[in-house]
C-alpha atoms as a PDB file:
ATOM      1  CA  MET A   1     -41.656-125.922-114.503  1.00  0.00           C
ATOM      2  CA  PRO A   2     -45.267-124.798-114.942  1.00  0.00           C
ATOM      3  CA  THR A   3     -48.009-127.394-114.654  1.00  0.00           C
ATOM      4  CA  PRO A   4     -49.213-128.508-118.094  1.00  0.00           C
ATOM      5  CA  LEU A   5     -52.836-128.198-119.097  1.00  0.00           C
ATOM      6  CA  TRP A   6     -53.993-131.801-119.242  1.00  0.00           C
ATOM      7  CA  LEU A   7     -56.601-132.300-121.967  1.00  0.00           C
ATOM      8  CA  LYS A   8     -59.095-135.032-122.810  1.00  0.00           C
ATOM      9  CA  PRO A   9     -59.141-136.418-126.377  1.00  0.00           C
ATOM     10  CA  ASN A  10     -62.028-134.032-127.195  1.00  0.00           C
ATOM     11  CA  GLY A  11     -59.946-131.032-126.070  1.00  0.00           C
ATOM     12  CA  ASP A  12     -61.729-130.376-122.768  1.00  0.00           C
ATOM     13  CA  PRO A  13     -59.447-129.893-119.765  1.00  0.00           C
ATOM     14  CA  ILE A  14     -59.165-132.540-117.060  1.00  0.00           C
ATOM     15  CA  ALA A  15     -60.828-131.000-114.008  1.00  0.00           C
ATOM     16  CA  CYS A  16     -60.748-133.799-111.412  1.00  0.00           C
ATOM     17  CA  VAL A  17     -58.347-132.800-108.621  1.00  0.00           C
ATOM     18  CA  GLU A  18     -57.257-136.399-107.947  1.00  0.00           C
ATOM     19  CA  LYS A  19     -56.550-137.043-111.638  1.00  0.00           C
ATOM     20  CA  LEU A  20     -54.532-133.839-111.852  1.00  0.00           C
ATOM     21  CA  LYS A  21     -52.595-134.853-108.744  1.00  0.00           C
ATOM     22  CA  VAL A  22     -51.731-138.279-110.216  1.00  0.00           C
ATOM     23  CA  LEU A  23     -50.756-136.770-113.576  1.00  0.00           C
ATOM     24  CA  GLY A  24     -48.526-134.228-111.842  1.00  0.00           C
ATOM     25  CA  GLU A  25     -46.861-136.901-109.702  1.00  0.00           C
ATOM     26  CA  ASN A  26     -46.291-139.103-112.760  1.00  0.00           C
ATOM     27  CA  LEU A  27     -44.724-136.198-114.629  1.00  0.00           C
ATOM     28  CA  GLU A  28     -42.390-135.463-111.709  1.00  0.00           C
ATOM     29  CA  GLU A  29     -41.322-139.122-111.613  1.00  0.00           C
ATOM     30  CA  LEU A  30     -40.644-139.154-115.355  1.00  0.00           C
ATOM     31  CA  GLN A  31     -38.624-135.955-115.144  1.00  0.00           C
ATOM     32  CA  GLN A  32     -36.478-137.434-112.370  1.00  0.00           C
ATOM     33  CA  MET A  33     -35.972-140.667-114.342  1.00  0.00           C
ATOM     34  CA  VAL A  34     -34.855-138.722-117.414  1.00  0.00           C
ATOM     35  CA  LYS A  35     -32.498-136.606-115.327  1.00  0.00           C
ATOM     36  CA  ASP A  36     -30.996-139.726-113.737  1.00  0.00           C
ATOM     37  CA  ALA A  37     -30.623-141.467-117.110  1.00  0.00           C
ATOM     38  CA  LEU A  38     -28.908-138.405-118.588  1.00  0.00           C
ATOM     39  CA  GLU A  39     -26.496-138.231-115.672  1.00  0.00           C
ATOM     40  CA  ASP A  40     -25.716-141.956-116.045  1.00  0.00           C
ATOM     41  CA  ALA A  41     -25.083-141.595-119.763  1.00  0.00           C
ATOM     42  CA  LEU A  42     -22.759-138.639-119.199  1.00  0.00           C
ATOM     43  CA  LEU A  43     -20.830-140.604-116.576  1.00  0.00           C
ATOM     44  CA  MET A  44     -20.448-143.432-119.098  1.00  0.00           C
ATOM     45  CA  GLY A  45     -18.943-141.046-121.645  1.00  0.00           C
ATOM     46  CA  CYS A  46     -21.877-140.262-123.937  1.00  0.00           C
ATOM     47  CA  SER A  47     -22.226-136.759-125.294  1.00  0.00           C
ATOM     48  CA  GLU A  48     -25.143-134.807-123.875  1.00  0.00           C
ATOM     49  CA  ALA A  49     -26.342-133.911-127.378  1.00  0.00           C
ATOM     50  CA  CYS A  50     -26.405-137.579-128.385  1.00  0.00           C
ATOM     51  CA  VAL A  51     -28.391-138.588-125.310  1.00  0.00           C
ATOM     52  CA  ARG A  52     -30.877-135.750-125.683  1.00  0.00           C
ATOM     53  CA  GLU A  53     -31.400-136.664-129.338  1.00  0.00           C
ATOM     54  CA  ALA A  54     -32.036-140.288-128.372  1.00  0.00           C
ATOM     55  CA  PHE A  55     -34.549-139.211-125.716  1.00  0.00           C
ATOM     56  CA  HIS A  56     -36.420-137.029-128.211  1.00  0.00           C
ATOM     57  CA  LYS A  57     -36.473-139.659-130.944  1.00  0.00           C
ATOM     58  CA  GLY A  58     -37.604-142.472-128.669  1.00  0.00           C
ATOM     59  CA  SER A  59     -36.284-145.992-128.720  1.00  0.00           C
ATOM     60  CA  PRO A  60     -33.268-146.527-130.983  1.00  0.00           C
ATOM     61  CA  GLN A  61     -33.512-148.598-134.122  1.00  0.00           C
ATOM     62  CA  LYS A  62     -31.924-152.019-134.106  1.00  0.00           C
ATOM     63  CA  THR A  63     -28.399-152.139-135.400  1.00  0.00           C
ATOM     64  CA  GLU A  64     -26.617-155.051-137.011  1.00  0.00           C
ATOM     65  CA  LYS A  65     -23.739-154.948-134.553  1.00  0.00           C
ATOM     66  CA  ILE A  66     -24.204-154.991-130.813  1.00  0.00           C
ATOM     67  CA  VAL A  67     -21.417-153.453-128.784  1.00  0.00           C
ATOM     68  CA  ARG A  68     -20.841-155.095-125.419  1.00  0.00           C
END
């Protein structure tokens, strides 16, 4: 996966090598966490499409019934 262009709020690129290193490491960690969570969900019987949709939408809304 290509390295993203990290931008400041004003649109200027982040140029500090140490900041870029930390951002890259954080992104790698997040990608691994998402991969692991997807694999767990698939092992528990969730459909891949359902899990990917949940990841893209963010945290799920509260439901009236909680399944345990």
